Amino acid sequence: MNRQQRPLFSTVCKMAAPMDLFSVGLIEKDNHDDVLWVWSYPAVPIEQQELYVRKSNLNSTSIIPFIYGQQQRHWYYIITQDVSEDNVLTWIKQFALVLTAKDFNPEKYKALSLILSKQYSISGNPVNMLELYLSVAVHGRCQAGNNGLYTVKDYDSRHAYLIGSLRDVIGTFGIETIVLYTALMLKKKTVVFHPKIDKLQQFIRILPALVWHRQNWNILHPHVDLLEDEIEELKNNTTYVAGFTDSAIESRTDLYDVFVNVPESRISVANDAKESMAMGKLHKDMATFMMNCSEDEDKEDQQIIKDIAVKTRELLNNLKTLATESESGEPSISLEVLRQRKMPPATENFLYSLAAAEGLVKF
């Protein structure tokens, strides 16, 4: 079946939208090296199609087997495969399958993408693949051939949050890790650079674990290109941790408060953010604590996350003792109260900024 003959289920099928899944789509690179968005369910806007085609890297000579990112509050997951000579997909060299969903869980959607891609490779017809997709969307499971039953219940989001190594992060940046921790605690804009997309995504996905009490992985934008549409989308966020593979991002100081160069093990603070990121004894104590955790060979990575979370909770509980009841009856912290404690300027500034980030300052 060629691409002109395929049924357009995106316009024919009128089922309700899935709970976690938003869409499934196909991108193909044909034997003439043309790359086209060829099918989706349901319909995907043109601007999103263009983004996913770009991210699939099918226009390049080397494919990226699996990539994920976030755009307009949607997570996208793209798996790309070569097509063998004996495959039924005789008109193409490569194809990419695109899933979009509401949640961050690369392992869950990679597993589903592999199942759907295999089905498409066997049949050459997206309708067969769509049946599996709808089964997952409606029932949360589908038959995965020889691999048994695929079920979304096997992929807890908290497990996805724990994949990665804070020990490696702390080992890479040492005492400077406190800059990353502070940036995340204060909801700053952080940019991470690594020229290799797989290394970038491996590093960046664990960073929100430094502020485990929030459990908010939606601050991640794991792969952003220095293109106008993506930059404008990024600017719509007040806080983020954004990954780039283009070294030119370092010169874009308008996009970050903190810049992280992973290959060079270097963290720098933008001039405009230096005052709010000033360090004091409180930061030194936390930095030492994190270093001790990472150097303890008896601690597993999950225990390091837990220990930092407990230390952070102690900090927040102490902060809340400085709060007074506002007119609305909610706890509130004022700069005047902090000044009465005669703290060092860096500590006072940090605690007030942290109180604002935690919603304890009433403007």
Protein backbone atom coordinates (compact mmCIF):
# COMPACT_ATOMS: atom_id res chain seq x y z
CA MET A 1 0.00 0.00 0.00
CA ASN A 2 1.55 3.35 -0.96
CA ARG A 3 1.10 6.56 0.96
CA GLN A 4 -1.61 7.89 -1.39
CA GLN A 5 -3.81 4.84 -0.81
CA ARG A 6 -3.82 4.85 2.96
CA PRO A 7 -7.12 5.40 4.77
CA LEU A 8 -7.16 8.71 6.63
CA PHE A 9 -8.30 7.49 10.02
CA SER A 10 -7.50 10.92 11.44
CA THR A 11 -10.65 12.19 9.73
CA VAL A 12 -12.77 9.03 9.70
CA CYS A 13 -12.40 7.65 13.23
CA LYS A 14 -14.38 9.68 15.78
CA MET A 15 -13.48 8.05 19.11
CA ALA A 16 -12.98 10.07 22.28
CA ALA A 17 -9.50 11.39 23.00
CA PRO A 18 -7.34 9.04 25.14
CA MET A 19 -6.57 9.90 28.74
CA ASP A 20 -2.75 9.99 28.52
CA LEU A 21 -2.12 9.65 24.79
CA PHE A 22 -2.82 12.55 22.48
CA SER A 23 -1.78 11.23 19.08
CA VAL A 24 0.23 8.78 17.02
CA GLY A 25 1.88 9.71 13.73
CA LEU A 26 4.18 8.39 11.01
CA ILE A 27 7.03 10.10 9.18
CA GLU A 28 8.69 8.37 6.24
CA LYS A 29 11.87 8.81 4.24
CA ASP A 30 11.23 7.33 0.83
CA ASN A 31 13.64 5.84 -1.68
CA HIS A 32 14.15 9.28 -3.22
CA ASP A 33 15.21 10.71 0.18
CA ASP A 34 12.02 12.77 0.51
CA VAL A 35 10.84 13.05 4.11
CA LEU A 36 7.11 13.42 4.67
CA TRP A 37 4.57 13.33 7.45
CA VAL A 38 2.25 10.66 6.01
CA TRP A 39 -0.35 9.69 8.61
CA SER A 40 -1.68 10.43 12.08
CA TYR A 41 -4.54 9.76 14.43
CA PRO A 42 -6.11 12.10 15.25
CA ALA A 43 -5.11 15.02 13.02
CA VAL A 44 -1.94 16.87 14.06
CA PRO A 45 -1.51 20.60 13.28
CA ILE A 46 0.93 21.43 10.48
CA GLU A 47 3.30 23.35 12.76
CA GLN A 48 3.54 20.33 15.06
CA GLN A 49 4.14 18.03 12.10
CA GLU A 50 7.04 20.24 11.03
CA LEU A 51 8.53 20.12 14.52
CA TYR A 52 8.32 16.33 14.74
CA VAL A 53 9.79 15.88 11.26
CA ARG A 54 12.71 18.08 12.30
CA LYS A 55 13.22 16.23 15.57
CA SER A 56 13.11 12.83 13.85
CA ASN A 57 16.38 13.75 12.09
CA LEU A 58 15.28 11.78 9.02
CA ASN A 59 16.63 14.60 6.85
CA SER A 60 20.10 13.77 8.14
CA THR A 61 22.43 10.93 7.13
CA SER A 62 22.34 9.43 10.63
CA ILE A 63 19.20 8.64 12.57
CA ILE A 64 18.53 9.18 16.26
CA PRO A 65 16.95 5.93 17.48
CA PHE A 66 14.90 7.52 20.26
CA ILE A 67 14.32 11.11 21.25
CA TYR A 68 11.78 12.90 23.42
CA GLY A 69 10.89 16.44 24.32
CA GLN A 70 8.15 18.83 25.32
CA GLN A 71 6.28 21.38 23.27
CA GLN A 72 3.10 23.30 24.16
CA ARG A 73 2.57 21.24 27.33
CA HIS A 74 2.66 18.01 25.32
CA TRP A 75 5.40 15.40 25.55
CA TYR A 76 6.51 13.85 22.29
CA TYR A 77 8.37 10.57 21.87
CA ILE A 78 9.96 9.67 18.53
CA ILE A 79 11.44 6.31 17.62
CA THR A 80 13.21 6.01 14.26
CA GLN A 81 14.09 2.82 12.40
CA ASP A 82 15.78 1.66 9.23
CA VAL A 83 13.75 -0.50 6.86
CA SER A 84 15.37 -3.76 5.72
CA GLU A 85 15.39 -4.77 2.06
CA ASP A 86 13.01 -7.70 2.63
CA ASN A 87 10.47 -5.56 4.51
CA VAL A 88 6.96 -4.97 3.15
CA LEU A 89 7.65 -1.22 3.31
CA THR A 90 9.40 -1.35 -0.06
CA TRP A 91 8.84 2.33 -0.89
CA ILE A 92 10.81 3.74 2.08
CA LYS A 93 14.28 3.61 3.61
CA GLN A 94 13.41 4.72 7.13
CA PHE A 95 10.43 5.74 9.17
CA ALA A 96 9.75 7.42 12.48
CA LEU A 97 6.82 6.80 14.78
CA VAL A 98 5.68 9.76 16.89
CA LEU A 99 3.65 9.48 20.07
CA THR A 100 2.41 12.53 21.96
CA ALA A 101 1.17 12.31 25.52
CA LYS A 102 0.51 14.37 28.62
CA ASP A 103 3.11 12.78 30.89
CA PHE A 104 6.87 12.34 31.16
CA ASN A 105 7.70 8.64 30.97
CA PRO A 106 10.27 7.80 28.26
CA GLU A 107 10.43 4.10 29.07
CA LYS A 108 6.65 3.65 28.89
CA TYR A 109 6.34 5.34 25.52
CA LYS A 110 9.50 3.84 24.06
CA ALA A 111 8.16 0.37 24.80
CA LEU A 112 4.82 1.21 23.19
CA SER A 113 6.55 2.84 20.21
CA LEU A 114 8.55 -0.33 19.58
CA ILE A 115 5.38 -2.42 19.60
CA LEU A 116 3.58 -0.09 17.20
CA SER A 117 6.62 0.22 14.93
CA LYS A 118 6.97 -3.55 14.73
CA GLN A 119 3.32 -3.90 13.81
CA TYR A 120 3.70 -1.31 11.07
CA SER A 121 6.83 -3.04 9.74
CA ILE A 122 4.98 -6.35 9.54
CA SER A 123 1.76 -5.12 7.94
CA GLY A 124 2.75 -1.93 6.14
CA ASN A 125 -0.67 -0.61 7.11
CA PRO A 126 -1.20 1.98 9.87
CA VAL A 127 -4.72 0.62 10.50
CA ASN A 128 -3.28 -2.51 12.15
CA MET A 129 -1.04 -0.35 14.30
CA LEU A 130 -3.96 1.92 15.17
CA GLU A 131 -5.85 -1.00 16.70
CA LEU A 132 -3.05 -1.51 19.23
CA TYR A 133 -2.83 2.21 19.91
CA LEU A 134 -6.57 2.47 20.61
CA SER A 135 -6.43 -0.58 22.86
CA VAL A 136 -3.82 1.17 25.01
CA ALA A 137 -5.68 4.49 24.86
CA VAL A 138 -8.99 2.95 25.95
CA HIS A 139 -8.00 -0.05 28.08
CA GLY A 140 -4.42 0.77 29.10
CA ARG A 141 -3.02 -2.40 27.54
CA CYS A 142 -2.46 -4.28 24.30
CA GLN A 143 -1.10 -7.60 23.14
CA ALA A 144 2.58 -7.22 22.34
CA GLY A 145 3.07 -10.33 20.20
CA ASN A 146 5.74 -12.68 21.51
CA ASN A 147 6.55 -10.20 24.29
CA GLY A 148 3.24 -10.84 26.02
CA LEU A 149 0.95 -8.13 27.33
CA TYR A 150 1.90 -4.45 27.35
CA THR A 151 0.18 -2.52 30.13
CA VAL A 152 0.68 1.07 31.22
CA LYS A 153 0.41 -0.02 34.87
CA ASP A 154 3.89 -1.51 34.54
CA TYR A 155 5.37 1.97 34.04
CA ASP A 156 5.02 4.05 37.18
CA SER A 157 5.89 7.71 36.64
CA ARG A 158 7.91 7.77 39.87
CA HIS A 159 10.19 5.10 38.42
CA ALA A 160 10.76 7.36 35.39
CA TYR A 161 11.72 10.16 37.79
CA LEU A 162 14.42 8.00 39.37
CA ILE A 163 16.21 6.95 36.18
CA GLY A 164 19.56 8.65 36.04
CA SER A 165 22.26 9.31 38.59
CA LEU A 166 22.56 12.30 40.91
CA ARG A 167 25.82 10.72 42.07
CA ASP A 168 27.18 11.21 38.55
CA VAL A 169 25.91 14.81 38.44
CA ILE A 170 27.56 15.64 41.76
CA GLY A 171 30.68 13.72 40.73
CA THR A 172 30.90 15.77 37.53
CA PHE A 173 30.44 19.22 39.07
CA GLY A 174 31.55 18.65 42.64
CA ILE A 175 30.87 21.51 45.03
CA GLU A 176 29.48 23.58 42.12
CA THR A 177 26.41 21.32 42.11
CA ILE A 178 25.02 23.71 44.72
CA VAL A 179 24.54 26.24 41.89
CA LEU A 180 22.27 23.78 40.10
CA TYR A 181 20.41 23.02 43.31
CA THR A 182 19.91 26.72 44.05
CA ALA A 183 18.72 27.47 40.53
CA LEU A 184 16.12 24.71 40.73
CA MET A 185 15.01 25.67 44.23
CA LEU A 186 14.52 29.30 43.15
CA LYS A 187 12.80 28.30 39.87
CA LYS A 188 15.45 29.92 37.71
CA LYS A 189 15.97 29.36 34.00
CA THR A 190 18.67 26.75 33.48
CA VAL A 191 20.22 25.78 30.15
CA VAL A 192 22.25 22.59 29.73
CA PHE A 193 24.62 22.00 26.80
CA HIS A 194 25.97 18.72 25.45
CA PRO A 195 26.75 18.11 21.76
CA LYS A 196 25.44 14.53 21.89
CA ILE A 197 21.68 14.22 22.23
CA ASP A 198 21.75 10.86 24.04
CA LYS A 199 24.22 12.16 26.65
CA LEU A 200 22.23 15.38 27.01
CA GLN A 201 18.96 13.59 27.69
CA GLN A 202 20.62 11.13 30.06
CA PHE A 203 22.04 14.01 32.11
CA ILE A 204 19.13 16.42 32.08
CA ARG A 205 16.31 14.05 33.04
CA ILE A 206 17.57 13.50 36.61
CA LEU A 207 17.99 17.19 37.50
CA PRO A 208 14.41 17.76 38.80
CA ALA A 209 15.19 15.10 41.42
CA LEU A 210 17.28 17.74 43.19
CA VAL A 211 13.95 19.32 44.17
CA TRP A 212 12.09 16.06 44.75
CA HIS A 213 9.44 17.69 46.93
CA ARG A 214 7.93 19.28 43.82
CA GLN A 215 8.04 16.19 41.60
CA ASN A 216 7.61 18.41 38.58
CA TRP A 217 9.28 17.05 35.46
CA ASN A 218 7.31 19.45 33.28
CA ILE A 219 10.09 22.00 33.83
CA LEU A 220 12.18 19.85 31.48
CA HIS A 221 12.64 20.75 27.84
CA PRO A 222 15.18 18.04 27.00
CA HIS A 223 16.02 19.05 23.44
CA VAL A 224 15.57 22.57 22.08
CA ASP A 225 16.94 23.79 18.77
CA LEU A 226 18.06 27.40 18.32
CA LEU A 227 15.16 28.12 16.00
CA GLU A 228 12.66 30.94 16.38
CA ASP A 229 9.56 28.80 16.95
CA GLU A 230 11.20 26.68 19.63
CA ILE A 231 12.84 29.62 21.36
CA GLU A 232 9.58 31.57 21.46
CA GLU A 233 7.84 28.54 22.93
CA LEU A 234 10.56 28.22 25.57
CA LYS A 235 10.25 31.88 26.50
CA ASN A 236 6.60 31.30 27.41
CA ASN A 237 7.81 29.47 30.52
CA THR A 238 8.83 31.34 33.66
CA THR A 239 11.12 28.51 34.76
CA TYR A 240 12.73 25.61 32.93
CA VAL A 241 15.65 23.26 32.51
CA ALA A 242 16.32 23.24 28.77
CA GLY A 243 18.77 21.10 26.82
CA PHE A 244 20.69 22.21 23.72
CA THR A 245 23.19 20.48 21.44
CA ASP A 246 24.30 23.72 19.75
CA SER A 247 27.21 25.39 21.56
CA ALA A 248 26.00 28.79 20.32
CA ILE A 249 23.41 28.69 23.10
CA GLU A 250 26.04 29.93 25.57
CA SER A 251 25.96 33.37 23.94
CA ARG A 252 22.17 33.58 24.41
CA THR A 253 22.31 34.95 27.95
CA ASP A 254 18.74 36.21 27.51
CA LEU A 255 17.61 32.59 27.77
CA TYR A 256 19.21 31.54 31.03
CA ASP A 257 20.16 32.42 34.57
CA VAL A 258 22.44 29.41 34.88
CA PHE A 259 24.40 27.74 32.07
CA VAL A 260 25.70 24.17 32.36
CA ASN A 261 28.38 22.87 29.99
CA VAL A 262 28.43 19.13 30.64
CA PRO A 263 31.50 18.11 28.57
CA GLU A 264 33.59 20.82 30.23
CA SER A 265 32.12 20.19 33.72
CA ARG A 266 31.44 23.90 33.97
CA ILE A 267 28.56 25.90 35.48
CA SER A 268 28.26 29.66 35.06
CA VAL A 269 25.76 32.23 36.26
CA ALA A 270 24.51 35.02 33.99
CA ASN A 271 25.41 38.53 35.16
CA ASP A 272 21.76 39.48 35.67
CA ALA A 273 21.27 36.53 38.02
CA LYS A 274 24.42 36.78 40.14
CA GLU A 275 22.85 38.85 42.91
CA SER A 276 19.90 36.46 43.37
CA MET A 277 22.26 33.47 43.16
CA ALA A 278 24.74 34.75 45.77
CA MET A 279 25.94 31.97 48.08
CA GLY A 280 26.27 31.92 51.86
CA LYS A 281 26.89 29.49 54.72
CA LEU A 282 23.56 27.80 54.15
CA HIS A 283 24.64 26.94 50.60
CA LYS A 284 28.06 25.77 51.76
CA ASP A 285 26.45 23.41 54.26
CA MET A 286 24.11 21.96 51.64
CA ALA A 287 26.95 21.60 49.13
CA THR A 288 29.06 19.73 51.67
CA PHE A 289 26.09 17.51 52.52
CA MET A 290 25.53 16.60 48.86
CA MET A 291 29.22 15.85 48.37
CA ASN A 292 29.24 13.56 51.40
CA CYS A 293 26.16 11.74 50.10
CA SER A 294 27.69 11.16 46.67
CA GLU A 295 30.99 9.95 48.13
CA ASP A 296 29.31 7.39 50.39
CA GLU A 297 29.75 4.17 48.41
CA ASP A 298 27.16 2.40 50.55
CA LYS A 299 24.41 4.72 49.32
CA GLU A 300 22.40 3.80 46.25
CA ASP A 301 21.33 6.58 43.87
CA GLN A 302 17.78 6.49 45.20
CA GLN A 303 19.05 6.96 48.74
CA ILE A 304 21.03 10.02 47.65
CA ILE A 305 17.84 11.52 46.21
CA LYS A 306 15.98 10.69 49.42
CA ASP A 307 18.68 12.18 51.68
CA ILE A 308 18.77 15.43 49.70
CA ALA A 309 14.96 15.53 49.77
CA VAL A 310 14.94 15.13 53.55
CA LYS A 311 17.54 17.88 53.94
CA THR A 312 15.48 20.11 51.66
CA ARG A 313 12.35 19.41 53.65
CA GLU A 314 14.15 20.45 56.83
CA LEU A 315 15.12 23.70 55.14
CA LEU A 316 11.54 24.35 54.04
CA ASN A 317 10.12 23.50 57.47
CA ASN A 318 12.54 25.94 59.10
CA LEU A 319 11.55 28.56 56.54
CA LYS A 320 7.87 28.08 57.34
CA THR A 321 8.52 28.81 61.02
CA LEU A 322 9.26 32.39 59.94
CA ALA A 323 5.82 32.77 58.39
CA THR A 324 2.97 34.77 59.87
CA GLU A 325 -0.70 34.51 59.06
CA SER A 326 -1.77 36.75 56.20
CA GLU A 327 -5.15 38.48 55.86
CA SER A 328 -6.41 35.49 53.91
CA GLY A 329 -5.42 33.16 56.76
CA GLU A 330 -2.57 31.60 54.83
CA PRO A 331 1.06 31.55 56.00
CA SER A 332 3.13 34.37 54.54
CA ILE A 333 6.76 35.48 54.82
CA SER A 334 7.75 39.12 54.51
CA LEU A 335 11.16 40.63 53.90
CA GLU A 336 10.73 42.68 57.08
CA VAL A 337 10.47 39.54 59.21
CA LEU A 338 13.63 38.12 57.68
CA ARG A 339 15.51 41.37 58.27
CA GLN A 340 14.59 41.24 61.92
CA ARG A 341 16.61 38.03 62.16
CA LYS A 342 19.74 39.96 61.09
CA MET A 343 20.88 37.26 58.70
CA PRO A 344 23.81 37.62 56.29
CA PRO A 345 22.61 39.35 53.11
CA ALA A 346 23.12 36.25 50.91
CA THR A 347 21.09 34.06 53.29
CA GLU A 348 18.33 36.64 53.65
CA ASN A 349 18.08 37.09 49.90
CA PHE A 350 18.02 33.33 49.26
CA LEU A 351 15.36 32.60 51.88
CA TYR A 352 13.09 35.36 50.63
CA SER A 353 13.48 34.18 47.03
CA LEU A 354 12.84 30.61 48.15
CA ALA A 355 9.74 31.70 50.04
CA ALA A 356 8.48 33.33 46.84
CA ALA A 357 9.20 30.19 44.82
CA GLU A 358 7.26 28.12 47.37
CA GLY A 359 4.27 30.46 47.31
CA LEU A 360 4.91 31.87 50.80
CA VAL A 361 5.20 35.50 49.70
CA LYS A 362 2.01 37.46 49.10
CA PHE A 363 2.43 40.20 46.55
